[in-house]
Amino acid sequence: AAWSFPQRNRIISGLSAATIVVEAGHGSGALITARAALQQGRDVFVV
């Protein structure tokens, strides 16, 4: 469902030591993953 993709993003970042964002527009789900990673104390890299 529409809400389930943002929900799963916390698992992507939670499984990872770092998150790398490669191209993301305004409102992209990738930004939700990146912000979740920052909240979880993980490294975030942006291209």
All heavy atoms as atom14 arrays in JSON, in Angstrom:
{
  "sequence": "AAWSFPQRNRIISGLSAATIVVEAGHGSGALITARAALQQGRDVFVV",
  "atom14_mask": [
    [1, 1, 1, 1, 1, 0, 0, 0, 0, 0, 0, 0, 0, 0],
    [1, 1, 1, 1, 1, 0, 0, 0, 0, 0, 0, 0, 0, 0],
    [1, 1, 1, 1, 1, 1, 1, 1, 1, 1, 1, 1, 1, 1],
    [1, 1, 1, 1, 1, 1, 0, 0, 0, 0, 0, 0, 0, 0],
    [1, 1, 1, 1, 1, 1, 1, 1, 1, 1, 1, 0, 0, 0],
    [1, 1, 1, 1, 1, 1, 1, 0, 0, 0, 0, 0, 0, 0],
    [1, 1, 1, 1, 1, 1, 1, 1, 1, 0, 0, 0, 0, 0],
    [1, 1, 1, 1, 1, 1, 1, 1, 1, 1, 1, 0, 0, 0],
    [1, 1, 1, 1, 1, 1, 1, 1, 0, 0, 0, 0, 0, 0],
    [1, 1, 1, 1, 1, 1, 1, 1, 1, 1, 1, 0, 0, 0],
    [1, 1, 1, 1, 1, 1, 1, 1, 0, 0, 0, 0, 0, 0],
    [1, 1, 1, 1, 1, 1, 1, 1, 0, 0, 0, 0, 0, 0],
    [1, 1, 1, 1, 1, 1, 0, 0, 0, 0, 0, 0, 0, 0],
    [1, 1, 1, 1, 0, 0, 0, 0, 0, 0, 0, 0, 0, 0],
    [1, 1, 1, 1, 1, 1, 1, 1, 0, 0, 0, 0, 0, 0],
    [1, 1, 1, 1, 1, 1, 0, 0, 0, 0, 0, 0, 0, 0],
    [1, 1, 1, 1, 1, 0, 0, 0, 0, 0, 0, 0, 0, 0],
    [1, 1, 1, 1, 1, 0, 0, 0, 0, 0, 0, 0, 0, 0],
    [1, 1, 1, 1, 1, 1, 1, 0, 0, 0, 0, 0, 0, 0],
    [1, 1, 1, 1, 1, 1, 1, 1, 0, 0, 0, 0, 0, 0],
    [1, 1, 1, 1, 1, 1, 1, 0, 0, 0, 0, 0, 0, 0],
    [1, 1, 1, 1, 1, 1, 1, 0, 0, 0, 0, 0, 0, 0],
    [1, 1, 1, 1, 1, 1, 1, 1, 1, 0, 0, 0, 0, 0],
    [1, 1, 1, 1, 1, 0, 0, 0, 0, 0, 0, 0, 0, 0],
    [1, 1, 1, 1, 0, 0, 0, 0, 0, 0, 0, 0, 0, 0],
    [1, 1, 1, 1, 1, 1, 1, 1, 1, 1, 0, 0, 0, 0],
    [1, 1, 1, 1, 0, 0, 0, 0, 0, 0, 0, 0, 0, 0],
    [1, 1, 1, 1, 1, 1, 0, 0, 0, 0, 0, 0, 0, 0],
    [1, 1, 1, 1, 0, 0, 0, 0, 0, 0, 0, 0, 0, 0],
    [1, 1, 1, 1, 1, 0, 0, 0, 0, 0, 0, 0, 0, 0],
    [1, 1, 1, 1, 1, 1, 1, 1, 0, 0, 0, 0, 0, 0],
    [1, 1, 1, 1, 1, 1, 1, 1, 0, 0, 0, 0, 0, 0],
    [1, 1, 1, 1, 1, 1, 1, 0, 0, 0, 0, 0, 0, 0],
    [1, 1, 1, 1, 1, 0, 0, 0, 0, 0, 0, 0, 0, 0],
    [1, 1, 1, 1, 1, 1, 1, 1, 1, 1, 1, 0, 0, 0],
    [1, 1, 1, 1, 1, 0, 0, 0, 0, 0, 0, 0, 0, 0],
    [1, 1, 1, 1, 1, 0, 0, 0, 0, 0, 0, 0, 0, 0],
    [1, 1, 1, 1, 1, 1, 1, 1, 0, 0, 0, 0, 0, 0],
    [1, 1, 1, 1, 1, 1, 1, 1, 1, 0, 0, 0, 0, 0],
    [1, 1, 1, 1, 1, 1, 1, 1, 1, 0, 0, 0, 0, 0],
    [1, 1, 1, 1, 0, 0, 0, 0, 0, 0, 0, 0, 0, 0],
    [1, 1, 1, 1, 1, 1, 1, 1, 1, 1, 1, 0, 0, 0],
    [1, 1, 1, 1, 1, 1, 1, 1, 0, 0, 0, 0, 0, 0],
    [1, 1, 1, 1, 1, 1, 1, 0, 0, 0, 0, 0, 0, 0],
    [1, 1, 1, 1, 1, 1, 1, 1, 1, 1, 1, 0, 0, 0],
    [1, 1, 1, 1, 1, 1, 1, 0, 0, 0, 0, 0, 0, 0],
    [1, 1, 1, 1, 1, 1, 1, 0, 0, 0, 0, 0, 0, 0]
  ],
  "atom14_positions": [
    [[0.86, -1.19, 0.0], [0.0, 0.0, 0.0], [0.89, 1.23, 0.0], [2.1, 1.15, 0.19], [-0.91, -0.01, 1.23], [0.0, 0.0, 0.0], [0.0, 0.0, 0.0], [0.0, 0.0, 0.0], [0.0, 0.0, 0.0], [0.0, 0.0, 0.0], [0.0, 0.0, 0.0], [0.0, 0.0, 0.0], [0.0, 0.0, 0.0], [0.0, 0.0, 0.0]],
    [[0.28, 2.39, -0.21], [1.05, 3.63, -0.3], [1.86, 3.87, 0.97], [3.0, 4.37, 0.91], [0.11, 4.8, -0.57], [0.0, 0.0, 0.0], [0.0, 0.0, 0.0], [0.0, 0.0, 0.0], [0.0, 0.0, 0.0], [0.0, 0.0, 0.0], [0.0, 0.0, 0.0], [0.0, 0.0, 0.0], [0.0, 0.0, 0.0], [0.0, 0.0, 0.0]],
    [[1.29, 3.51, 2.13], [1.99, 3.77, 3.4], [3.07, 2.73, 3.69], [3.97, 2.98, 4.51], [0.99, 3.75, 4.56], [0.23, 2.46, 4.67], [-0.99, 2.17, 4.13], [0.66, 1.26, 5.35], [-1.36, 0.88, 4.42], [-0.36, 0.29, 5.17], [1.79, 0.91, 6.09], [-0.27, -0.98, 5.69], [1.88, -0.37, 6.61], [0.86, -1.3, 6.42]],
    [[2.99, 1.57, 3.03], [3.91, 0.49, 3.41], [5.33, 0.69, 2.89], [6.28, 0.18, 3.47], [3.37, -0.86, 2.92], [3.27, -0.91, 1.51], [0.0, 0.0, 0.0], [0.0, 0.0, 0.0], [0.0, 0.0, 0.0], [0.0, 0.0, 0.0], [0.0, 0.0, 0.0], [0.0, 0.0, 0.0], [0.0, 0.0, 0.0], [0.0, 0.0, 0.0]],
    [[5.48, 1.46, 1.8], [6.83, 1.68, 1.28], [7.65, 2.6, 2.19], [8.79, 2.28, 2.51], [6.76, 2.22, -0.15], [6.25, 1.19, -1.14], [4.95, 1.25, -1.59], [7.07, 0.17, -1.58], [4.47, 0.3, -2.48], [6.6, -0.78, -2.47], [5.3, -0.72, -2.92], [0.0, 0.0, 0.0], [0.0, 0.0, 0.0], [0.0, 0.0, 0.0]],
    [[7.09, 3.74, 2.64], [7.84, 4.52, 3.64], [8.11, 3.73, 4.91], [9.17, 3.88, 5.54], [6.92, 5.71, 3.91], [6.09, 5.84, 2.68], [5.88, 4.44, 2.2], [0.0, 0.0, 0.0], [0.0, 0.0, 0.0], [0.0, 0.0, 0.0], [0.0, 0.0, 0.0], [0.0, 0.0, 0.0], [0.0, 0.0, 0.0], [0.0, 0.0, 0.0]],
    [[7.15, 2.87, 5.3], [7.33, 2.06, 6.5], [8.51, 1.12, 6.37], [9.3, 0.94, 7.3], [6.04, 1.26, 6.77], [6.1, 0.33, 7.95], [5.93, 1.02, 9.29], [5.77, 2.24, 9.33], [5.98, 0.27, 10.36], [0.0, 0.0, 0.0], [0.0, 0.0, 0.0], [0.0, 0.0, 0.0], [0.0, 0.0, 0.0], [0.0, 0.0, 0.0]],
    [[8.67, 0.52, 5.17], [9.77, -0.45, 5.0], [11.13, 0.23, 4.92], [12.17, -0.42, 5.11], [9.52, -1.32, 3.77], [9.56, -0.6, 2.41], [10.94, -0.57, 1.79], [10.96, 0.38, 0.68], [10.74, 0.06, -0.58], [10.46, -1.18, -0.9], [10.81, 0.97, -1.52], [0.0, 0.0, 0.0], [0.0, 0.0, 0.0], [0.0, 0.0, 0.0]],
    [[11.15, 1.55, 4.65], [12.43, 2.23, 4.48], [13.26, 2.22, 5.76], [14.49, 2.25, 5.71], [12.21, 3.67, 4.0], [11.73, 3.71, 2.56], [11.73, 2.7, 1.87], [11.32, 4.89, 2.11], [0.0, 0.0, 0.0], [0.0, 0.0, 0.0], [0.0, 0.0, 0.0], [0.0, 0.0, 0.0], [0.0, 0.0, 0.0], [0.0, 0.0, 0.0]],
    [[12.6, 2.19, 6.92], [13.35, 2.14, 8.18], [14.1, 0.81, 8.3], [15.12, 0.72, 8.99], [12.4, 2.33, 9.36], [11.66, 1.06, 9.77], [10.55, 1.31, 10.75], [10.07, 0.09, 11.39], [9.33, -0.83, 10.81], [8.99, -0.71, 9.52], [8.94, -1.91, 11.47], [0.0, 0.0, 0.0], [0.0, 0.0, 0.0], [0.0, 0.0, 0.0]],
    [[13.59, -0.24, 7.64], [14.27, -1.53, 7.67], [15.5, -1.49, 6.77], [16.56, -2.02, 7.12], [13.32, -2.66, 7.23], [12.09, -2.7, 8.12], [14.03, -4.01, 7.24], [11.06, -3.74, 7.7], [0.0, 0.0, 0.0], [0.0, 0.0, 0.0], [0.0, 0.0, 0.0], [0.0, 0.0, 0.0], [0.0, 0.0, 0.0], [0.0, 0.0, 0.0]],
    [[15.38, -0.84, 5.61], [16.53, -0.69, 4.72], [17.68, -0.01, 5.44], [18.82, -0.49, 5.45], [16.14, 0.1, 3.46], [15.11, -0.68, 2.63], [17.37, 0.4, 2.61], [14.59, 0.09, 1.43], [0.0, 0.0, 0.0], [0.0, 0.0, 0.0], [0.0, 0.0, 0.0], [0.0, 0.0, 0.0], [0.0, 0.0, 0.0], [0.0, 0.0, 0.0]],
    [[17.4, 1.12, 6.08], [18.46, 1.84, 6.78], [18.9, 1.1, 8.04], [20.08, 1.11, 8.4], [17.99, 3.25, 7.15], [16.84, 3.21, 7.98], [0.0, 0.0, 0.0], [0.0, 0.0, 0.0], [0.0, 0.0, 0.0], [0.0, 0.0, 0.0], [0.0, 0.0, 0.0], [0.0, 0.0, 0.0], [0.0, 0.0, 0.0], [0.0, 0.0, 0.0]],
    [[17.95, 0.43, 8.7], [18.29, -0.28, 9.93], [19.2, -1.47, 9.72], [19.97, -1.83, 10.61], [0.0, 0.0, 0.0], [0.0, 0.0, 0.0], [0.0, 0.0, 0.0], [0.0, 0.0, 0.0], [0.0, 0.0, 0.0], [0.0, 0.0, 0.0], [0.0, 0.0, 0.0], [0.0, 0.0, 0.0], [0.0, 0.0, 0.0], [0.0, 0.0, 0.0]],
    [[19.13, -2.07, 8.54], [20.02, -3.2, 8.22], [21.4, -2.74, 7.77], [22.31, -3.56, 7.64], [19.4, -4.04, 7.1], [18.2, -4.92, 7.46], [17.57, -5.48, 6.2], [18.63, -6.05, 8.39], [0.0, 0.0, 0.0], [0.0, 0.0, 0.0], [0.0, 0.0, 0.0], [0.0, 0.0, 0.0], [0.0, 0.0, 0.0], [0.0, 0.0, 0.0]],
    [[21.57, -1.45, 7.54], [22.76, -0.95, 6.86], [23.62, -0.08, 7.76], [23.12, 0.71, 8.56], [22.34, -0.12, 5.63], [21.44, -0.85, 4.82], [0.0, 0.0, 0.0], [0.0, 0.0, 0.0], [0.0, 0.0, 0.0], [0.0, 0.0, 0.0], [0.0, 0.0, 0.0], [0.0, 0.0, 0.0], [0.0, 0.0, 0.0], [0.0, 0.0, 0.0]],
    [[24.93, -0.23, 7.58], [25.86, 0.61, 8.32], [25.86, 2.03, 7.77], [26.17, 2.99, 8.5], [27.27, 0.02, 8.25], [0.0, 0.0, 0.0], [0.0, 0.0, 0.0], [0.0, 0.0, 0.0], [0.0, 0.0, 0.0], [0.0, 0.0, 0.0], [0.0, 0.0, 0.0], [0.0, 0.0, 0.0], [0.0, 0.0, 0.0], [0.0, 0.0, 0.0]],
    [[25.54, 2.17, 6.5], [25.49, 3.49, 5.87], [24.47, 3.46, 4.75], [24.19, 2.41, 4.18], [26.87, 3.89, 5.33], [0.0, 0.0, 0.0], [0.0, 0.0, 0.0], [0.0, 0.0, 0.0], [0.0, 0.0, 0.0], [0.0, 0.0, 0.0], [0.0, 0.0, 0.0], [0.0, 0.0, 0.0], [0.0, 0.0, 0.0], [0.0, 0.0, 0.0]],
    [[23.92, 4.63, 4.43], [22.96, 4.76, 3.33], [23.52, 5.74, 2.31], [23.98, 6.83, 2.67], [21.61, 5.26, 3.85], [21.01, 4.25, 4.66], [20.66, 5.59, 2.7], [0.0, 0.0, 0.0], [0.0, 0.0, 0.0], [0.0, 0.0, 0.0], [0.0, 0.0, 0.0], [0.0, 0.0, 0.0], [0.0, 0.0, 0.0], [0.0, 0.0, 0.0]],
    [[23.47, 5.35, 1.04], [23.98, 6.17, -0.05], [22.8, 6.55, -0.94], [22.11, 5.68, -1.46], [25.03, 5.4, -0.88], [26.16, 4.89, 0.04], [25.6, 6.27, -1.99], [26.92, 3.72, -0.52], [0.0, 0.0, 0.0], [0.0, 0.0, 0.0], [0.0, 0.0, 0.0], [0.0, 0.0, 0.0], [0.0, 0.0, 0.0], [0.0, 0.0, 0.0]],
    [[22.57, 7.84, -1.11], [21.46, 8.32, -1.94], [22.01, 8.72, -3.31], [22.87, 9.59, -3.41], [20.75, 9.51, -1.29], [19.56, 9.95, -2.14], [20.28, 9.15, 0.12], [0.0, 0.0, 0.0], [0.0, 0.0, 0.0], [0.0, 0.0, 0.0], [0.0, 0.0, 0.0], [0.0, 0.0, 0.0], [0.0, 0.0, 0.0], [0.0, 0.0, 0.0]],
    [[21.5, 8.08, -4.35], [21.92, 8.38, -5.72], [20.7, 8.92, -6.47], [19.81, 8.15, -6.84], [22.44, 7.12, -6.44], [22.91, 7.47, -7.85], [23.55, 6.46, -5.64], [0.0, 0.0, 0.0], [0.0, 0.0, 0.0], [0.0, 0.0, 0.0], [0.0, 0.0, 0.0], [0.0, 0.0, 0.0], [0.0, 0.0, 0.0], [0.0, 0.0, 0.0]],
    [[20.64, 10.18, -6.67], [19.52, 10.85, -7.34], [18.21, 10.69, -6.57], [17.73, 9.57, -6.38], [19.34, 10.36, -8.78], [20.45, 10.81, -9.7], [20.11, 10.62, -11.16], [19.26, 9.76, -11.49], [20.71, 11.33, -12.0], [0.0, 0.0, 0.0], [0.0, 0.0, 0.0], [0.0, 0.0, 0.0], [0.0, 0.0, 0.0], [0.0, 0.0, 0.0]],
    [[17.65, 11.79, -6.16], [16.36, 11.79, -5.45], [15.72, 13.15, -5.62], [16.35, 14.17, -5.35], [16.56, 11.48, -3.96], [0.0, 0.0, 0.0], [0.0, 0.0, 0.0], [0.0, 0.0, 0.0], [0.0, 0.0, 0.0], [0.0, 0.0, 0.0], [0.0, 0.0, 0.0], [0.0, 0.0, 0.0], [0.0, 0.0, 0.0], [0.0, 0.0, 0.0]],
    [[14.51, 13.15, -6.1], [13.77, 14.4, -6.24], [13.13, 14.8, -4.92], [13.22, 14.07, -3.92], [0.0, 0.0, 0.0], [0.0, 0.0, 0.0], [0.0, 0.0, 0.0], [0.0, 0.0, 0.0], [0.0, 0.0, 0.0], [0.0, 0.0, 0.0], [0.0, 0.0, 0.0], [0.0, 0.0, 0.0], [0.0, 0.0, 0.0], [0.0, 0.0, 0.0]],
    [[12.49, 15.96, -4.9], [11.77, 16.39, -3.7], [10.67, 15.37, -3.4], [9.94, 14.94, -4.28], [11.14, 17.77, -3.92], [12.12, 18.89, -3.8], [12.87, 19.13, -2.66], [12.49, 19.86, -4.69], [13.63, 20.18, -2.83], [13.43, 20.64, -4.06], [0.0, 0.0, 0.0], [0.0, 0.0, 0.0], [0.0, 0.0, 0.0], [0.0, 0.0, 0.0]],
    [[10.56, 14.95, -2.16], [9.53, 13.99, -1.78], [9.88, 12.55, -2.08], [9.04, 11.66, -1.91], [0.0, 0.0, 0.0], [0.0, 0.0, 0.0], [0.0, 0.0, 0.0], [0.0, 0.0, 0.0], [0.0, 0.0, 0.0], [0.0, 0.0, 0.0], [0.0, 0.0, 0.0], [0.0, 0.0, 0.0], [0.0, 0.0, 0.0], [0.0, 0.0, 0.0]],
    [[11.08, 12.28, -2.54], [11.47, 10.91, -2.86], [11.51, 10.04, -1.61], [11.91, 10.49, -0.52], [12.85, 10.9, -3.53], [13.35, 9.59, -3.66], [0.0, 0.0, 0.0], [0.0, 0.0, 0.0], [0.0, 0.0, 0.0], [0.0, 0.0, 0.0], [0.0, 0.0, 0.0], [0.0, 0.0, 0.0], [0.0, 0.0, 0.0], [0.0, 0.0, 0.0]],
    [[11.11, 8.77, -1.75], [11.2, 7.84, -0.63], [12.62, 7.62, -0.16], [12.85, 7.26, 0.99], [0.0, 0.0, 0.0], [0.0, 0.0, 0.0], [0.0, 0.0, 0.0], [0.0, 0.0, 0.0], [0.0, 0.0, 0.0], [0.0, 0.0, 0.0], [0.0, 0.0, 0.0], [0.0, 0.0, 0.0], [0.0, 0.0, 0.0], [0.0, 0.0, 0.0]],
    [[13.58, 7.85, -1.06], [14.99, 7.7, -0.67], [15.36, 8.67, 0.43], [16.21, 8.38, 1.29], [15.89, 7.91, -1.89], [0.0, 0.0, 0.0], [0.0, 0.0, 0.0], [0.0, 0.0, 0.0], [0.0, 0.0, 0.0], [0.0, 0.0, 0.0], [0.0, 0.0, 0.0], [0.0, 0.0, 0.0], [0.0, 0.0, 0.0], [0.0, 0.0, 0.0]],
    [[14.73, 9.84, 0.44], [15.0, 10.82, 1.5], [14.46, 10.34, 2.83], [15.03, 10.63, 3.89], [14.4, 12.17, 1.12], [14.89, 12.79, -0.19], [14.24, 14.15, -0.41], [16.41, 12.91, -0.21], [0.0, 0.0, 0.0], [0.0, 0.0, 0.0], [0.0, 0.0, 0.0], [0.0, 0.0, 0.0], [0.0, 0.0, 0.0], [0.0, 0.0, 0.0]],
    [[13.34, 9.61, 2.8], [12.8, 9.02, 4.03], [13.8, 8.02, 4.59], [14.05, 7.96, 5.79], [11.44, 8.35, 3.76], [10.43, 9.38, 3.29], [10.95, 7.62, 5.0], [9.09, 8.79, 2.89], [0.0, 0.0, 0.0], [0.0, 0.0, 0.0], [0.0, 0.0, 0.0], [0.0, 0.0, 0.0], [0.0, 0.0, 0.0], [0.0, 0.0, 0.0]],
    [[14.38, 7.21, 3.7], [15.4, 6.24, 4.12], [16.6, 6.95, 4.73], [17.13, 6.55, 5.77], [15.85, 5.37, 2.94], [14.71, 4.8, 2.31], [16.77, 4.26, 3.4], [0.0, 0.0, 0.0], [0.0, 0.0, 0.0], [0.0, 0.0, 0.0], [0.0, 0.0, 0.0], [0.0, 0.0, 0.0], [0.0, 0.0, 0.0], [0.0, 0.0, 0.0]],
    [[17.05, 8.03, 4.08], [18.21, 8.76, 4.57], [17.94, 9.38, 5.93], [18.8, 9.33, 6.84], [18.6, 9.84, 3.56], [0.0, 0.0, 0.0], [0.0, 0.0, 0.0], [0.0, 0.0, 0.0], [0.0, 0.0, 0.0], [0.0, 0.0, 0.0], [0.0, 0.0, 0.0], [0.0, 0.0, 0.0], [0.0, 0.0, 0.0], [0.0, 0.0, 0.0]],
    [[16.75, 9.96, 6.11], [16.43, 10.57, 7.41], [16.29, 9.5, 8.5], [16.68, 9.72, 9.65], [15.15, 11.4, 7.29], [15.33, 12.62, 6.39], [14.11, 13.52, 6.36], [14.33, 14.68, 5.51], [13.8, 14.83, 4.3], [12.99, 13.91, 3.82], [14.06, 15.9, 3.58], [0.0, 0.0, 0.0], [0.0, 0.0, 0.0], [0.0, 0.0, 0.0]],
    [[15.75, 8.33, 8.12], [15.69, 7.23, 9.1], [17.09, 6.8, 9.5], [17.36, 6.52, 10.68], [14.92, 6.06, 8.5], [0.0, 0.0, 0.0], [0.0, 0.0, 0.0], [0.0, 0.0, 0.0], [0.0, 0.0, 0.0], [0.0, 0.0, 0.0], [0.0, 0.0, 0.0], [0.0, 0.0, 0.0], [0.0, 0.0, 0.0], [0.0, 0.0, 0.0]],
    [[18.0, 6.76, 8.53], [19.38, 6.39, 8.84], [20.02, 7.38, 9.8], [20.73, 6.99, 10.74], [20.19, 6.31, 7.54], [0.0, 0.0, 0.0], [0.0, 0.0, 0.0], [0.0, 0.0, 0.0], [0.0, 0.0, 0.0], [0.0, 0.0, 0.0], [0.0, 0.0, 0.0], [0.0, 0.0, 0.0], [0.0, 0.0, 0.0], [0.0, 0.0, 0.0]],
    [[19.77, 8.67, 9.6], [20.32, 9.68, 10.5], [19.75, 9.52, 11.9], [20.49, 9.63, 12.9], [20.02, 11.08, 9.96], [20.74, 11.48, 8.67], [20.23, 12.82, 8.17], [22.25, 11.54, 8.89], [0.0, 0.0, 0.0], [0.0, 0.0, 0.0], [0.0, 0.0, 0.0], [0.0, 0.0, 0.0], [0.0, 0.0, 0.0], [0.0, 0.0, 0.0]],
    [[18.46, 9.24, 12.0], [17.84, 9.03, 13.31], [18.39, 7.78, 14.0], [18.43, 7.72, 15.23], [16.33, 8.92, 13.15], [15.65, 10.22, 12.73], [14.19, 10.02, 12.36], [13.68, 8.91, 12.36], [13.5, 11.12, 12.06], [0.0, 0.0, 0.0], [0.0, 0.0, 0.0], [0.0, 0.0, 0.0], [0.0, 0.0, 0.0], [0.0, 0.0, 0.0]],
    [[18.79, 6.81, 13.21], [19.34, 5.57, 13.76], [20.83, 5.67, 14.03], [21.46, 4.7, 14.48], [19.08, 4.42, 12.78], [17.6, 4.07, 12.63], [17.31, 3.26, 11.39], [18.14, 3.14, 10.48], [16.12, 2.69, 11.32], [0.0, 0.0, 0.0], [0.0, 0.0, 0.0], [0.0, 0.0, 0.0], [0.0, 0.0, 0.0], [0.0, 0.0, 0.0]],
    [[21.41, 6.84, 13.78], [22.83, 7.05, 14.04], [23.74, 6.45, 13.0], [24.92, 6.17, 13.28], [0.0, 0.0, 0.0], [0.0, 0.0, 0.0], [0.0, 0.0, 0.0], [0.0, 0.0, 0.0], [0.0, 0.0, 0.0], [0.0, 0.0, 0.0], [0.0, 0.0, 0.0], [0.0, 0.0, 0.0], [0.0, 0.0, 0.0], [0.0, 0.0, 0.0]],
    [[23.24, 6.26, 11.78], [24.03, 5.68, 10.71], [24.58, 6.77, 9.78], [24.05, 7.88, 9.72], [23.19, 4.68, 9.89], [22.37, 3.71, 10.73], [23.27, 2.77, 11.53], [22.54, 2.06, 12.57], [21.83, 0.96, 12.39], [21.72, 0.43, 11.18], [21.22, 0.37, 13.4], [0.0, 0.0, 0.0], [0.0, 0.0, 0.0], [0.0, 0.0, 0.0]],
    [[25.63, 6.43, 9.05], [26.21, 7.37, 8.1], [25.32, 7.52, 6.88], [24.68, 6.55, 6.44], [27.6, 6.9, 7.65], [28.63, 6.97, 8.77], [28.48, 7.83, 9.64], [29.57, 6.16, 8.76], [0.0, 0.0, 0.0], [0.0, 0.0, 0.0], [0.0, 0.0, 0.0], [0.0, 0.0, 0.0], [0.0, 0.0, 0.0], [0.0, 0.0, 0.0]],
    [[25.29, 8.72, 6.31], [24.54, 8.99, 5.09], [25.46, 9.69, 4.1], [26.15, 10.66, 4.45], [23.3, 9.86, 5.37], [22.63, 10.28, 4.06], [22.31, 9.11, 6.25], [0.0, 0.0, 0.0], [0.0, 0.0, 0.0], [0.0, 0.0, 0.0], [0.0, 0.0, 0.0], [0.0, 0.0, 0.0], [0.0, 0.0, 0.0], [0.0, 0.0, 0.0]],
    [[25.45, 9.19, 2.87], [26.24, 9.78, 1.79], [25.29, 10.16, 0.66], [24.31, 9.46, 0.39], [27.28, 8.79, 1.27], [28.34, 8.42, 2.27], [28.1, 7.45, 3.23], [29.57, 9.06, 2.24], [29.09, 7.11, 4.15], [30.56, 8.72, 3.16], [30.32, 7.75, 4.12], [0.0, 0.0, 0.0], [0.0, 0.0, 0.0], [0.0, 0.0, 0.0]],
    [[25.6, 11.27, 0.0], [24.75, 11.75, -1.09], [25.61, 12.02, -2.31], [26.67, 12.63, -2.21], [24.02, 13.04, -0.66], [23.36, 13.7, -1.86], [22.97, 12.73, 0.4], [0.0, 0.0, 0.0], [0.0, 0.0, 0.0], [0.0, 0.0, 0.0], [0.0, 0.0, 0.0], [0.0, 0.0, 0.0], [0.0, 0.0, 0.0], [0.0, 0.0, 0.0]],
    [[25.13, 11.55, -3.46], [25.78, 11.88, -4.73], [25.22, 13.21, -5.2], [24.02, 13.31, -5.5], [25.5, 10.78, -5.79], [26.12, 11.18, -7.13], [26.06, 9.44, -5.32], [0.0, 0.0, 0.0], [0.0, 0.0, 0.0], [0.0, 0.0, 0.0], [0.0, 0.0, 0.0], [0.0, 0.0, 0.0], [0.0, 0.0, 0.0], [0.0, 0.0, 0.0]]
  ]
}
